C-alpha cells in the first residue's frame, strides 16, 4: 500500500505536546524560559487572576532549586498545584479551590514504595485536572511504586531499581500522520529503530488500537501504525478538527520526555497490574503530593525512603519532575509546542 505524510504549511504533521486542543496552526515556540512565555501569553489575553497562580507557581519553583531533596517535595508540589490551578482557570474547568483532591497514607511500618498509597478524590484540584484531560475522576487508589512506574522520564531509573518489572515504554521515531495515495484515508505511524524492541513481544504488548505494519523488508524496517483512520481532505478547518480529535484519542498511548529534542514513546499494555491508564500530568501531581505529605507530616519515614534501595529513583523523580510538568502544563495552557532554542548541527 502506497502512502505519504500529510503536510500543513509545508511541514509534515507530527505528534503535538498538547493533549487537549493542540494548535496545529501555531509555529513552534523557541523559548529559553517557558515561565516567561506563558506569563506573556496570559498577559496579552488579560488573564490577571491566572497570572497570580502562574507567578506564585514560579516562585515555588525557584525556591525548590535551592532546597535539599528532603525539603523540595513541599515547594515542588505547591508549584505544581498553582500551575494546575492556572490551567483549569484558563480552560474554564470548575474545581474546588479548598481541596487538593487526593490523600495518601503508608500501609506499613516499613518504608516501601509499594506500601505508600495515593487515593484520588472526587472533589478538588486533581479531579478538575482529570475532567480536563477526560480521565475518570473516581475514588481510586494507587501505590506510589506503580505511579512512578508509569512515568517515562524516570523509567530507566525505575527499571534499574526494580529489575524484575518489565519495561513499559518503547521509544519511537518519525511519528507522522500519513495518507493513502488517491484517498482521504489517514492514520498515525512511527518507526521503532532500536533493535532491542523490534520483536514479537513489542507487537503483542502494543495498545489495542496499534499494530505492526507489514513492511517489504522486515529486516530493515519496523513500523507501527494505528488501526483507526480519519479523513484528511486538505489543509482546511474540517480536516484539522478531525486531526485534533484523532490526536487526542491516540495521545493517551504516546508520551514524551521534555528536552532539547522531544523524545516520544508508546506505552505498552497487557496483564501487568502496575499499568495505570492515566496521563503523566495526573500521576506526577499524585506522586509529588504524597512526597509532600511525607515531608510535612512524616519526615522520618521520608528519610527512611531515601536510605532505601529506591533512593536514586526518588531523587530522579524530585530532580526532573518540575521541568517536565511545567513543559506539559505550558503546552496545555497555550496549545503551543515550546522548545528550548538550540544550534542546528
C-alpha atoms as a PDB file:
ATOM      1  CA  UNK A   1       0.000   0.000   0.000  1.00  0.00           C
ATOM      2  CA  UNK A   2       1.402   3.374  -1.025  1.00  0.00           C
ATOM      3  CA  UNK A   3       1.082   6.318   1.367  1.00  0.00           C
ATOM      4  CA  UNK A   4       2.753   9.622   2.134  1.00  0.00           C
ATOM      5  CA  UNK A   5       2.915  12.050   5.098  1.00  0.00           C
ATOM      6  CA  UNK A   6       0.275  14.749   5.207  1.00  0.00           C
ATOM      7  CA  UNK A   7       1.557  18.311   5.352  1.00  0.00           C
ATOM      8  CA  UNK A   8       0.345  21.618   6.696  1.00  0.00           C
ATOM      9  CA  UNK A   9       2.048  24.895   5.891  1.00  0.00           C
ATOM     10  CA  UNK A  10       4.731  22.959   4.024  1.00  0.00           C
ATOM     11  CA  UNK A  11       5.625  20.832   7.056  1.00  0.00           C
ATOM     12  CA  UNK A  12       4.869  17.215   7.883  1.00  0.00           C
ATOM     13  CA  UNK A  13       2.263  16.884  10.620  1.00  0.00           C
ATOM     14  CA  UNK A  14       3.524  15.013  13.646  1.00  0.00           C
ATOM     15  CA  UNK A  15       2.645  14.466  17.295  1.00  0.00           C
ATOM     16  CA  UNK A  16       1.928  17.508  19.442  1.00  0.00           C
ATOM     17  CA  UNK A  17       2.824  18.011  23.103  1.00  0.00           C
ATOM     18  CA  UNK A  18      -0.670  19.370  23.810  1.00  0.00           C
ATOM     19  CA  UNK A  19      -3.278  16.704  24.523  1.00  0.00           C
ATOM     20  CA  UNK A  20      -6.467  18.799  24.551  1.00  0.00           C
ATOM     21  CA  UNK A  21      -6.922  21.220  21.629  1.00  0.00           C
ATOM     22  CA  UNK A  22      -3.395  21.383  20.184  1.00  0.00           C
ATOM     23  CA  UNK A  23      -2.857  24.395  17.920  1.00  0.00           C
ATOM     24  CA  UNK A  24      -1.517  22.932  14.698  1.00  0.00           C
ATOM     25  CA  UNK A  25      -1.699  26.430  13.192  1.00  0.00           C
ATOM     26  CA  UNK A  26       0.902  27.817  15.595  1.00  0.00           C
ATOM     27  CA  UNK A  27       4.597  27.751  14.879  1.00  0.00           C
ATOM     28  CA  UNK A  28       6.911  26.029  17.361  1.00  0.00           C
ATOM     29  CA  UNK A  29       7.822  28.429  20.150  1.00  0.00           C
ATOM     30  CA  UNK A  30      11.531  28.682  20.922  1.00  0.00           C
ATOM     31  CA  UNK A  31      11.827  29.915  24.491  1.00  0.00           C
ATOM     32  CA  UNK A  32      14.700  29.677  26.944  1.00  0.00           C
ATOM     33  CA  UNK A  33      12.232  30.191  29.790  1.00  0.00           C
ATOM     34  CA  UNK A  34       8.709  28.725  29.460  1.00  0.00           C
ATOM     35  CA  UNK A  35       7.654  30.647  32.576  1.00  0.00           C
ATOM     36  CA  UNK A  36       8.218  33.974  30.820  1.00  0.00           C
ATOM     37  CA  UNK A  37       6.493  32.884  27.624  1.00  0.00           C
ATOM     38  CA  UNK A  38       3.350  31.634  29.379  1.00  0.00           C
ATOM     39  CA  UNK A  39       3.222  34.745  31.565  1.00  0.00           C
ATOM     40  CA  UNK A  40       3.374  36.906  28.425  1.00  0.00           C
ATOM     41  CA  UNK A  41       0.698  34.731  26.781  1.00  0.00           C
ATOM     42  CA  UNK A  42      -1.612  35.207  29.783  1.00  0.00           C
ATOM     43  CA  UNK A  43      -0.909  38.937  29.990  1.00  0.00           C
ATOM     44  CA  UNK A  44      -1.814  39.506  26.340  1.00  0.00           C
ATOM     45  CA  UNK A  45      -5.153  37.809  26.971  1.00  0.00           C
ATOM     46  CA  UNK A  46      -5.951  39.811  30.093  1.00  0.00           C
ATOM     47  CA  UNK A  47      -5.782  36.792  32.427  1.00  0.00           C
ATOM     48  CA  UNK A  48      -4.779  38.769  35.527  1.00  0.00           C
ATOM     49  CA  UNK A  49      -6.099  36.282  38.068  1.00  0.00           C
ATOM     50  CA  UNK A  50      -4.474  33.368  36.281  1.00  0.00           C
ATOM     51  CA  UNK A  51      -1.156  35.198  36.197  1.00  0.00           C
ATOM     52  CA  UNK A  52      -1.233  35.259  40.001  1.00  0.00           C
ATOM     53  CA  UNK A  53      -1.383  31.452  40.075  1.00  0.00           C
ATOM     54  CA  UNK A  54       1.358  31.233  37.446  1.00  0.00           C
ATOM     55  CA  UNK A  55       3.685  33.694  39.164  1.00  0.00           C
ATOM     56  CA  UNK A  56       3.203  32.020  42.524  1.00  0.00           C
ATOM     57  CA  UNK A  57       3.983  28.664  40.907  1.00  0.00           C
ATOM     58  CA  UNK A  58       7.179  30.164  39.528  1.00  0.00           C
ATOM     59  CA  UNK A  59       8.178  31.451  42.973  1.00  0.00           C
ATOM     60  CA  UNK A  60       7.761  27.969  44.448  1.00  0.00           C
ATOM     61  CA  UNK A  61       9.736  26.555  41.500  1.00  0.00           C
ATOM     62  CA  UNK A  62      12.623  28.962  42.145  1.00  0.00           C
ATOM     63  CA  UNK A  63      12.559  28.155  45.858  1.00  0.00           C
ATOM     64  CA  UNK A  64      12.816  24.453  45.023  1.00  0.00           C
ATOM     65  CA  UNK A  65      16.117  24.973  43.218  1.00  0.00           C
ATOM     66  CA  UNK A  66      17.947  25.783  46.457  1.00  0.00           C
ATOM     67  CA  UNK A  67      16.418  23.149  48.740  1.00  0.00           C
ATOM     68  CA  UNK A  68      17.611  19.657  49.610  1.00  0.00           C
ATOM     69  CA  UNK A  69      15.735  16.577  48.449  1.00  0.00           C
ATOM     70  CA  UNK A  70      14.337  16.250  51.980  1.00  0.00           C
ATOM     71  CA  UNK A  71      12.508  19.581  51.664  1.00  0.00           C
ATOM     72  CA  UNK A  72      11.939  20.178  47.964  1.00  0.00           C
ATOM     73  CA  UNK A  73       8.799  17.966  47.593  1.00  0.00           C
ATOM     74  CA  UNK A  74       6.824  20.558  49.556  1.00  0.00           C
ATOM     75  CA  UNK A  75       7.654  23.592  47.406  1.00  0.00           C
ATOM     76  CA  UNK A  76       7.643  21.493  44.233  1.00  0.00           C
ATOM     77  CA  UNK A  77       4.125  20.280  44.958  1.00  0.00           C
ATOM     78  CA  UNK A  78       2.805  23.792  45.611  1.00  0.00           C
ATOM     79  CA  UNK A  79       4.389  24.914  42.357  1.00  0.00           C
ATOM     80  CA  UNK A  80       2.554  22.101  40.531  1.00  0.00           C
ATOM     81  CA  UNK A  81      -0.666  22.874  42.396  1.00  0.00           C
ATOM     82  CA  UNK A  82      -0.637  26.509  41.268  1.00  0.00           C
ATOM     83  CA  UNK A  83       0.317  25.587  37.698  1.00  0.00           C
ATOM     84  CA  UNK A  84      -2.682  23.264  37.641  1.00  0.00           C
ATOM     85  CA  UNK A  85      -4.982  25.960  39.011  1.00  0.00           C
ATOM     86  CA  UNK A  86      -3.772  28.281  36.242  1.00  0.00           C
ATOM     87  CA  UNK A  87      -4.566  25.677  33.585  1.00  0.00           C
ATOM     88  CA  UNK A  88      -8.035  24.878  34.935  1.00  0.00           C
ATOM     89  CA  UNK A  89      -8.927  28.558  35.300  1.00  0.00           C
ATOM     90  CA  UNK A  90      -7.820  29.390  31.744  1.00  0.00           C
ATOM     91  CA  UNK A  91      -9.851  26.480  30.376  1.00  0.00           C
ATOM     92  CA  UNK A  92     -12.937  27.274  32.440  1.00  0.00           C
ATOM     93  CA  UNK A  93     -12.905  23.962  34.333  1.00  0.00           C
ATOM     94  CA  UNK A  94     -14.745  24.171  37.637  1.00  0.00           C
ATOM     95  CA  UNK A  95     -12.858  22.911  40.691  1.00  0.00           C
ATOM     96  CA  UNK A  96     -12.962  23.295  44.446  1.00  0.00           C
ATOM     97  CA  UNK A  97     -10.082  25.533  45.465  1.00  0.00           C
ATOM     98  CA  UNK A  98     -10.417  24.378  49.078  1.00  0.00           C
ATOM     99  CA  UNK A  99      -9.405  20.769  48.366  1.00  0.00           C
ATOM    100  CA  UNK A 100      -6.386  19.305  46.643  1.00  0.00           C
ATOM    101  CA  UNK A 101      -8.393  16.280  45.571  1.00  0.00           C
ATOM    102  CA  UNK A 102      -6.293  13.408  46.906  1.00  0.00           C
ATOM    103  CA  UNK A 103      -4.799  11.938  50.048  1.00  0.00           C
ATOM    104  CA  UNK A 104      -2.093   9.474  50.953  1.00  0.00           C
ATOM    105  CA  UNK A 105      -1.064   7.033  53.618  1.00  0.00           C
ATOM    106  CA  UNK A 106       1.536   4.420  54.480  1.00  0.00           C
ATOM    107  CA  UNK A 107       0.006   0.960  54.893  1.00  0.00           C
ATOM    108  CA  UNK A 108       3.080  -0.488  56.589  1.00  0.00           C
ATOM    109  CA  UNK A 109       5.621   0.356  59.256  1.00  0.00           C
ATOM    110  CA  UNK A 110       8.342  -0.116  56.623  1.00  0.00           C
ATOM    111  CA  UNK A 111       9.480   2.476  54.089  1.00  0.00           C
ATOM    112  CA  UNK A 112       8.410   0.762  50.869  1.00  0.00           C
ATOM    113  CA  UNK A 113       7.092   2.484  47.761  1.00  0.00           C
ATOM    114  CA  UNK A 114       4.640  -0.400  47.332  1.00  0.00           C
ATOM    115  CA  UNK A 115       3.125   0.495  50.723  1.00  0.00           C
ATOM    116  CA  UNK A 116       2.745   4.208  50.024  1.00  0.00           C
ATOM    117  CA  UNK A 117      -0.811   4.714  48.740  1.00  0.00           C
ATOM    118  CA  UNK A 118      -2.345   7.714  46.993  1.00  0.00           C
ATOM    119  CA  UNK A 119      -6.125   7.971  46.774  1.00  0.00           C
ATOM    120  CA  UNK A 120      -7.891  10.121  44.187  1.00  0.00           C
ATOM    121  CA  UNK A 121     -10.926  12.020  45.484  1.00  0.00           C
ATOM    122  CA  UNK A 122     -13.956  13.358  43.597  1.00  0.00           C
ATOM    123  CA  UNK A 123     -13.642  16.995  44.700  1.00  0.00           C
ATOM    124  CA  UNK A 124     -10.716  19.365  44.381  1.00  0.00           C
ATOM    125  CA  UNK A 125      -7.923  20.405  42.052  1.00  0.00           C
ATOM    126  CA  UNK A 126      -6.821  16.935  40.921  1.00  0.00           C
ATOM    127  CA  UNK A 127     -10.353  15.813  39.939  1.00  0.00           C
ATOM    128  CA  UNK A 128     -10.605  19.063  37.944  1.00  0.00           C
ATOM    129  CA  UNK A 129      -7.418  18.110  36.108  1.00  0.00           C
ATOM    130  CA  UNK A 130      -8.855  14.638  35.472  1.00  0.00           C
ATOM    131  CA  UNK A 131     -12.015  16.143  33.983  1.00  0.00           C
ATOM    132  CA  UNK A 132      -9.980  18.475  31.773  1.00  0.00           C
ATOM    133  CA  UNK A 133      -7.963  15.513  30.470  1.00  0.00           C
ATOM    134  CA  UNK A 134     -11.172  13.473  30.128  1.00  0.00           C
ATOM    135  CA  UNK A 135      -9.973  10.835  32.572  1.00  0.00           C
ATOM    136  CA  UNK A 136     -12.065   9.106  35.249  1.00  0.00           C
ATOM    137  CA  UNK A 137     -12.370  11.176  38.429  1.00  0.00           C
ATOM    138  CA  UNK A 138     -13.500   8.277  40.635  1.00  0.00           C
ATOM    139  CA  UNK A 139     -12.124   7.441  44.070  1.00  0.00           C
ATOM    140  CA  UNK A 140      -9.276   5.160  43.057  1.00  0.00           C
ATOM    141  CA  UNK A 141      -6.127   4.096  44.893  1.00  0.00           C
ATOM    142  CA  UNK A 142      -2.627   3.531  43.514  1.00  0.00           C
ATOM    143  CA  UNK A 143       0.685   2.685  45.110  1.00  0.00           C
ATOM    144  CA  UNK A 144       3.494   5.201  44.758  1.00  0.00           C
ATOM    145  CA  UNK A 145       5.606   2.424  43.226  1.00  0.00           C
ATOM    146  CA  UNK A 146       3.097   1.914  40.398  1.00  0.00           C
ATOM    147  CA  UNK A 147       2.680   5.656  39.858  1.00  0.00           C
ATOM    148  CA  UNK A 148       6.435   6.065  39.354  1.00  0.00           C
ATOM    149  CA  UNK A 149       6.465   3.013  37.062  1.00  0.00           C
ATOM    150  CA  UNK A 150       4.146   4.849  34.667  1.00  0.00           C
ATOM    151  CA  UNK A 151       6.340   7.950  34.188  1.00  0.00           C
ATOM    152  CA  UNK A 152       8.592   7.712  31.110  1.00  0.00           C
ATOM    153  CA  UNK A 153      11.181  10.331  32.093  1.00  0.00           C
ATOM    154  CA  UNK A 154      12.306   8.277  35.137  1.00  0.00           C
ATOM    155  CA  UNK A 155      11.625   4.845  33.653  1.00  0.00           C
ATOM    156  CA  UNK A 156      15.279   3.921  33.232  1.00  0.00           C
ATOM    157  CA  UNK A 157      15.887   4.688  36.909  1.00  0.00           C
ATOM    158  CA  UNK A 158      12.788   2.670  37.824  1.00  0.00           C
ATOM    159  CA  UNK A 159      13.841  -0.393  35.813  1.00  0.00           C
ATOM    160  CA  UNK A 160      17.344  -0.330  37.290  1.00  0.00           C
ATOM    161  CA  UNK A 161      15.808  -0.104  40.763  1.00  0.00           C
ATOM    162  CA  UNK A 162      13.129  -2.763  40.232  1.00  0.00           C
ATOM    163  CA  UNK A 163      14.781  -5.017  37.653  1.00  0.00           C
ATOM    164  CA  UNK A 164      12.078  -7.701  37.784  1.00  0.00           C
ATOM    165  CA  UNK A 165       9.406  -5.377  36.343  1.00  0.00           C
ATOM    166  CA  UNK A 166       9.169  -5.354  32.521  1.00  0.00           C
ATOM    167  CA  UNK A 167       9.893  -2.174  30.583  1.00  0.00           C
ATOM    168  CA  UNK A 168       6.745  -0.210  29.893  1.00  0.00           C
ATOM    169  CA  UNK A 169       7.816   2.319  27.245  1.00  0.00           C
ATOM    170  CA  UNK A 170       9.083   1.708  23.714  1.00  0.00           C
ATOM    171  CA  UNK A 171      11.000   4.568  22.019  1.00  0.00           C
ATOM    172  CA  UNK A 172       9.617   5.608  18.634  1.00  0.00           C
ATOM    173  CA  UNK A 173      10.998   7.794  15.844  1.00  0.00           C
ATOM    174  CA  UNK A 174       9.487   9.563  12.836  1.00  0.00           C
ATOM    175  CA  UNK A 175       5.981   9.907  14.323  1.00  0.00           C
ATOM    176  CA  UNK A 176       3.846  11.026  11.367  1.00  0.00           C
ATOM    177  CA  UNK A 177       0.298  11.170  10.065  1.00  0.00           C
ATOM    178  CA  UNK A 178       0.204   9.547   6.648  1.00  0.00           C
ATOM    179  CA  UNK A 179      -2.427   9.356   3.919  1.00  0.00           C
ATOM    180  CA  UNK A 180      -3.166   6.602   1.458  1.00  0.00           C
ATOM    181  CA  UNK A 181      -2.384   7.591  -2.117  1.00  0.00           C
ATOM    182  CA  UNK A 182      -5.513   8.625  -4.002  1.00  0.00           C
ATOM    183  CA  UNK A 183      -7.639   8.572  -0.865  1.00  0.00           C
ATOM    184  CA  UNK A 184      -8.540  10.720   2.153  1.00  0.00           C
ATOM    185  CA  UNK A 185      -7.878   7.772   4.494  1.00  0.00           C
ATOM    186  CA  UNK A 186      -5.267   8.898   7.039  1.00  0.00           C
ATOM    187  CA  UNK A 187      -3.629   7.339  10.093  1.00  0.00           C
ATOM    188  CA  UNK A 188      -0.706   7.608  12.510  1.00  0.00           C
ATOM    189  CA  UNK A 189       2.510   5.632  12.158  1.00  0.00           C
ATOM    190  CA  UNK A 190       6.004   5.626  13.671  1.00  0.00           C
ATOM    191  CA  UNK A 191       9.257   3.677  13.415  1.00  0.00           C
ATOM    192  CA  UNK A 192      10.975   1.589  16.056  1.00  0.00           C
ATOM    193  CA  UNK A 193      14.697   1.812  15.320  1.00  0.00           C
ATOM    194  CA  UNK A 194      16.148   0.277  18.469  1.00  0.00           C
ATOM    195  CA  UNK A 195      16.634  -3.419  17.701  1.00  0.00           C
ATOM    196  CA  UNK A 196      16.032  -4.255  21.340  1.00  0.00           C
ATOM    197  CA  UNK A 197      12.310  -3.568  20.827  1.00  0.00           C
ATOM    198  CA  UNK A 198      11.881  -4.940  17.314  1.00  0.00           C
ATOM    199  CA  UNK A 199      10.344  -8.253  18.336  1.00  0.00           C
ATOM    200  CA  UNK A 200       7.095 -10.128  18.743  1.00  0.00           C
ATOM    201  CA  UNK A 201       6.820  -9.154  22.428  1.00  0.00           C
ATOM    202  CA  UNK A 202       6.598  -5.490  21.450  1.00  0.00           C
ATOM    203  CA  UNK A 203       3.918  -6.303  18.875  1.00  0.00           C
ATOM    204  CA  UNK A 204       1.853  -8.285  21.372  1.00  0.00           C
ATOM    205  CA  UNK A 205       2.076  -5.593  24.043  1.00  0.00           C
ATOM    206  CA  UNK A 206       1.023  -2.673  21.833  1.00  0.00           C
ATOM    207  CA  UNK A 207      -2.218  -0.868  22.768  1.00  0.00           C
ATOM    208  CA  UNK A 208      -5.267  -2.375  21.083  1.00  0.00           C
ATOM    209  CA  UNK A 209      -5.527   0.447  18.545  1.00  0.00           C
ATOM    210  CA  UNK A 210      -1.992  -0.216  17.263  1.00  0.00           C
ATOM    211  CA  UNK A 211      -0.362  -2.887  15.136  1.00  0.00           C
ATOM    212  CA  UNK A 212       2.864  -3.622  13.300  1.00  0.00           C
ATOM    213  CA  UNK A 213       2.823  -2.591   9.680  1.00  0.00           C
ATOM    214  CA  UNK A 214       3.917  -5.287   7.285  1.00  0.00           C
ATOM    215  CA  UNK A 215       6.986  -3.837   5.584  1.00  0.00           C
ATOM    216  CA  UNK A 216       8.566  -5.184   2.366  1.00  0.00           C
ATOM    217  CA  UNK A 217      11.861  -5.721   4.192  1.00  0.00           C
ATOM    218  CA  UNK A 218      11.236  -6.630   7.806  1.00  0.00           C
ATOM    219  CA  UNK A 219      14.984  -6.779   8.487  1.00  0.00           C
ATOM    220  CA  UNK A 220      15.463  -3.048   7.962  1.00  0.00           C
ATOM    221  CA  UNK A 221      12.044  -1.619   8.807  1.00  0.00           C
ATOM    222  CA  UNK A 222       9.862  -1.918  11.897  1.00  0.00           C
ATOM    223  CA  UNK A 223       6.888   0.417  11.686  1.00  0.00           C
ATOM    224  CA  UNK A 224       3.840   0.540  13.929  1.00  0.00           C
ATOM    225  CA  UNK A 225       0.570   2.174  12.959  1.00  0.00           C
ATOM    226  CA  UNK A 226      -2.808   2.971  14.407  1.00  0.00           C
ATOM    227  CA  UNK A 227      -5.672   0.839  13.131  1.00  0.00           C
ATOM    228  CA  UNK A 228      -8.113   3.722  13.370  1.00  0.00           C
ATOM    229  CA  UNK A 229      -8.396   6.164  10.485  1.00  0.00           C
ATOM    230  CA  UNK A 230      -9.638   9.693   9.885  1.00  0.00           C
ATOM    231  CA  UNK A 231     -10.310  11.767   6.790  1.00  0.00           C
ATOM    232  CA  UNK A 232      -7.802  14.339   5.619  1.00  0.00           C
ATOM    233  CA  UNK A 233      -9.134  16.328   2.694  1.00  0.00           C
ATOM    234  CA  UNK A 234      -6.521  19.064   2.766  1.00  0.00           C
ATOM    235  CA  UNK A 235      -5.367  21.913   4.993  1.00  0.00           C
ATOM    236  CA  UNK A 236      -8.843  23.110   5.950  1.00  0.00           C
ATOM    237  CA  UNK A 237     -10.763  23.646   9.186  1.00  0.00           C
ATOM    238  CA  UNK A 238     -12.733  20.404   8.936  1.00  0.00           C
ATOM    239  CA  UNK A 239      -9.618  18.280   8.416  1.00  0.00           C
ATOM    240  CA  UNK A 240      -7.775  19.993  11.263  1.00  0.00           C
ATOM    241  CA  UNK A 241     -10.756  19.364  13.543  1.00  0.00           C
ATOM    242  CA  UNK A 242     -10.727  15.669  12.684  1.00  0.00           C
ATOM    243  CA  UNK A 243      -6.956  15.566  13.230  1.00  0.00           C
ATOM    244  CA  UNK A 244      -7.323  17.128  16.705  1.00  0.00           C
ATOM    245  CA  UNK A 245      -9.954  14.582  17.731  1.00  0.00           C
ATOM    246  CA  UNK A 246      -7.859  11.709  16.398  1.00  0.00           C
ATOM    247  CA  UNK A 247      -4.718  13.069  18.040  1.00  0.00           C
ATOM    248  CA  UNK A 248      -6.462  13.358  21.414  1.00  0.00           C
ATOM    249  CA  UNK A 249      -7.502   9.716  21.219  1.00  0.00           C
ATOM    250  CA  UNK A 250      -4.048   8.318  20.461  1.00  0.00           C
ATOM    251  CA  UNK A 251      -2.054  10.664  22.723  1.00  0.00           C
ATOM    252  CA  UNK A 252      -3.044   8.694  25.811  1.00  0.00           C
ATOM    253  CA  UNK A 253      -0.768   5.944  24.468  1.00  0.00           C
ATOM    254  CA  UNK A 254       2.007   8.231  23.199  1.00  0.00           C
ATOM    255  CA  UNK A 255       4.096  10.073  25.776  1.00  0.00           C
ATOM    256  CA  UNK A 256       7.133  12.314  25.592  1.00  0.00           C
ATOM    257  CA  UNK A 257      10.179  13.360  27.580  1.00  0.00           C
ATOM    258  CA  UNK A 258      10.990  17.047  27.549  1.00  0.00           C
ATOM    259  CA  UNK A 259      14.447  18.234  26.486  1.00  0.00           C
ATOM    260  CA  UNK A 260      16.396  19.903  23.654  1.00  0.00           C
ATOM    261  CA  UNK A 261      14.725  17.270  21.469  1.00  0.00           C
ATOM    262  CA  UNK A 262      11.286  15.830  22.139  1.00  0.00           C
ATOM    263  CA  UNK A 263      11.629  12.075  22.731  1.00  0.00           C
ATOM    264  CA  UNK A 264       8.453  10.078  22.061  1.00  0.00           C
ATOM    265  CA  UNK A 265       7.418   6.680  23.444  1.00  0.00           C
ATOM    266  CA  UNK A 266       4.499   4.317  23.062  1.00  0.00           C
ATOM    267  CA  UNK A 267       3.207   2.826  26.293  1.00  0.00           C
ATOM    268  CA  UNK A 268       2.715  -0.932  26.413  1.00  0.00           C
ATOM    269  CA  UNK A 269      -0.475  -2.596  27.602  1.00  0.00           C
ATOM    270  CA  UNK A 270      -1.170  -6.107  28.833  1.00  0.00           C
ATOM    271  CA  UNK A 271      -1.856  -8.028  32.021  1.00  0.00           C
ATOM    272  CA  UNK A 272       0.665  -6.083  34.068  1.00  0.00           C
ATOM    273  CA  UNK A 273      -1.120  -4.888  37.214  1.00  0.00           C
ATOM    274  CA  UNK A 274       1.282  -1.961  37.514  1.00  0.00           C
ATOM    275  CA  UNK A 275      -0.045  -0.213  34.407  1.00  0.00           C
ATOM    276  CA  UNK A 276      -2.172   2.862  35.159  1.00  0.00           C
ATOM    277  CA  UNK A 277      -4.320   4.283  32.371  1.00  0.00           C
ATOM    278  CA  UNK A 278      -3.817   7.938  33.240  1.00  0.00           C
ATOM    279  CA  UNK A 279      -1.855  10.849  31.863  1.00  0.00           C
ATOM    280  CA  UNK A 280       1.585  11.740  33.158  1.00  0.00           C
ATOM    281  CA  UNK A 281       0.181  15.050  34.451  1.00  0.00           C
ATOM    282  CA  UNK A 282      -2.190  13.452  36.952  1.00  0.00           C
ATOM    283  CA  UNK A 283       0.380  10.850  38.001  1.00  0.00           C
ATOM    284  CA  UNK A 284       3.131  13.423  38.590  1.00  0.00           C
ATOM    285  CA  UNK A 285       0.691  15.507  40.638  1.00  0.00           C
ATOM    286  CA  UNK A 286      -0.294  12.499  42.753  1.00  0.00           C
ATOM    287  CA  UNK A 287       3.264  11.296  43.393  1.00  0.00           C
ATOM    288  CA  UNK A 288       4.584  14.714  44.391  1.00  0.00           C
ATOM    289  CA  UNK A 289       1.577  15.252  46.670  1.00  0.00           C
ATOM    290  CA  UNK A 290       2.377  12.062  48.577  1.00  0.00           C
ATOM    291  CA  UNK A 291       6.030  13.034  48.946  1.00  0.00           C
ATOM    292  CA  UNK A 292       4.982  16.492  50.143  1.00  0.00           C
ATOM    293  CA  UNK A 293       2.792  14.838  52.802  1.00  0.00           C
ATOM    294  CA  UNK A 294       5.786  12.831  53.981  1.00  0.00           C
ATOM    295  CA  UNK A 295       7.897  15.993  54.037  1.00  0.00           C
ATOM    296  CA  UNK A 296       5.355  17.792  56.218  1.00  0.00           C
ATOM    297  CA  UNK A 297       3.966  15.109  58.495  1.00  0.00           C
ATOM    298  CA  UNK A 298       6.303  12.083  58.414  1.00  0.00           C
ATOM    299  CA  UNK A 299       9.862  13.310  57.762  1.00  0.00           C
ATOM    300  CA  UNK A 300      11.366  10.256  59.449  1.00  0.00           C
ATOM    301  CA  UNK A 301       9.556   7.958  57.002  1.00  0.00           C
ATOM    302  CA  UNK A 302      10.807  10.115  54.111  1.00  0.00           C
ATOM    303  CA  UNK A 303      14.352   9.820  55.460  1.00  0.00           C
ATOM    304  CA  UNK A 304      13.974   6.031  55.534  1.00  0.00           C
ATOM    305  CA  UNK A 305      12.845   6.101  51.893  1.00  0.00           C
ATOM    306  CA  UNK A 306      15.983   7.995  50.953  1.00  0.00           C
ATOM    307  CA  UNK A 307      18.089   5.425  52.763  1.00  0.00           C
ATOM    308  CA  UNK A 308      16.443   2.543  50.936  1.00  0.00           C
ATOM    309  CA  UNK A 309      17.302   0.885  47.631  1.00  0.00           C
ATOM    310  CA  UNK A 310      14.933   3.253  45.788  1.00  0.00           C
ATOM    311  CA  UNK A 311      16.848   6.360  46.906  1.00  0.00           C
ATOM    312  CA  UNK A 312      18.115   7.100  43.378  1.00  0.00           C
ATOM    313  CA  UNK A 313      14.663   6.647  41.838  1.00  0.00           C
ATOM    314  CA  UNK A 314      13.097   9.154  44.242  1.00  0.00           C
ATOM    315  CA  UNK A 315      15.973  11.578  43.690  1.00  0.00           C
ATOM    316  CA  UNK A 316      15.490  11.370  39.916  1.00  0.00           C
ATOM    317  CA  UNK A 317      11.771  11.993  40.290  1.00  0.00           C
ATOM    318  CA  UNK A 318      12.281  15.021  42.522  1.00  0.00           C
ATOM    319  CA  UNK A 319      15.005  16.440  40.263  1.00  0.00           C
ATOM    320  CA  UNK A 320      13.238  16.018  36.922  1.00  0.00           C
ATOM    321  CA  UNK A 321       9.538  16.387  37.611  1.00  0.00           C
ATOM    322  CA  UNK A 322       9.125  20.159  37.825  1.00  0.00           C
ATOM    323  CA  UNK A 323      10.729  20.821  34.432  1.00  0.00           C
ATOM    324  CA  UNK A 324       8.647  18.070  32.829  1.00  0.00           C
ATOM    325  CA  UNK A 325       5.455  19.293  34.494  1.00  0.00           C
ATOM    326  CA  UNK A 326       5.869  22.952  33.546  1.00  0.00           C
ATOM    327  CA  UNK A 327       6.532  21.882  29.940  1.00  0.00           C
ATOM    328  CA  UNK A 328       3.365  19.780  29.783  1.00  0.00           C
ATOM    329  CA  UNK A 329       1.209  22.378  31.555  1.00  0.00           C
ATOM    330  CA  UNK A 330       2.566  25.171  29.331  1.00  0.00           C
ATOM    331  CA  UNK A 331       1.558  23.189  26.252  1.00  0.00           C
ATOM    332  CA  UNK A 332      -1.956  22.670  27.622  1.00  0.00           C
ATOM    333  CA  UNK A 333      -2.401  26.336  28.576  1.00  0.00           C
ATOM    334  CA  UNK A 334      -1.184  27.813  25.286  1.00  0.00           C
ATOM    335  CA  UNK A 335      -1.854  24.974  22.832  1.00  0.00           C
ATOM    336  CA  UNK A 336       1.665  25.553  21.515  1.00  0.00           C
ATOM    337  CA  UNK A 337       4.807  23.444  21.494  1.00  0.00           C
ATOM    338  CA  UNK A 338       7.528  25.201  23.466  1.00  0.00           C
ATOM    339  CA  UNK A 339      11.072  24.033  22.710  1.00  0.00           C
ATOM    340  CA  UNK A 340      14.472  25.013  24.032  1.00  0.00           C
ATOM    341  CA  UNK A 341      16.459  27.053  21.475  1.00  0.00           C
ATOM    342  CA  UNK A 342      19.447  25.187  20.089  1.00  0.00           C
ATOM    343  CA  UNK A 343      22.097  25.241  17.409  1.00  0.00           C
ATOM    344  CA  UNK A 344      21.439  23.387  14.187  1.00  0.00           C
ATOM    345  CA  UNK A 345      24.129  20.796  13.539  1.00  0.00           C
END
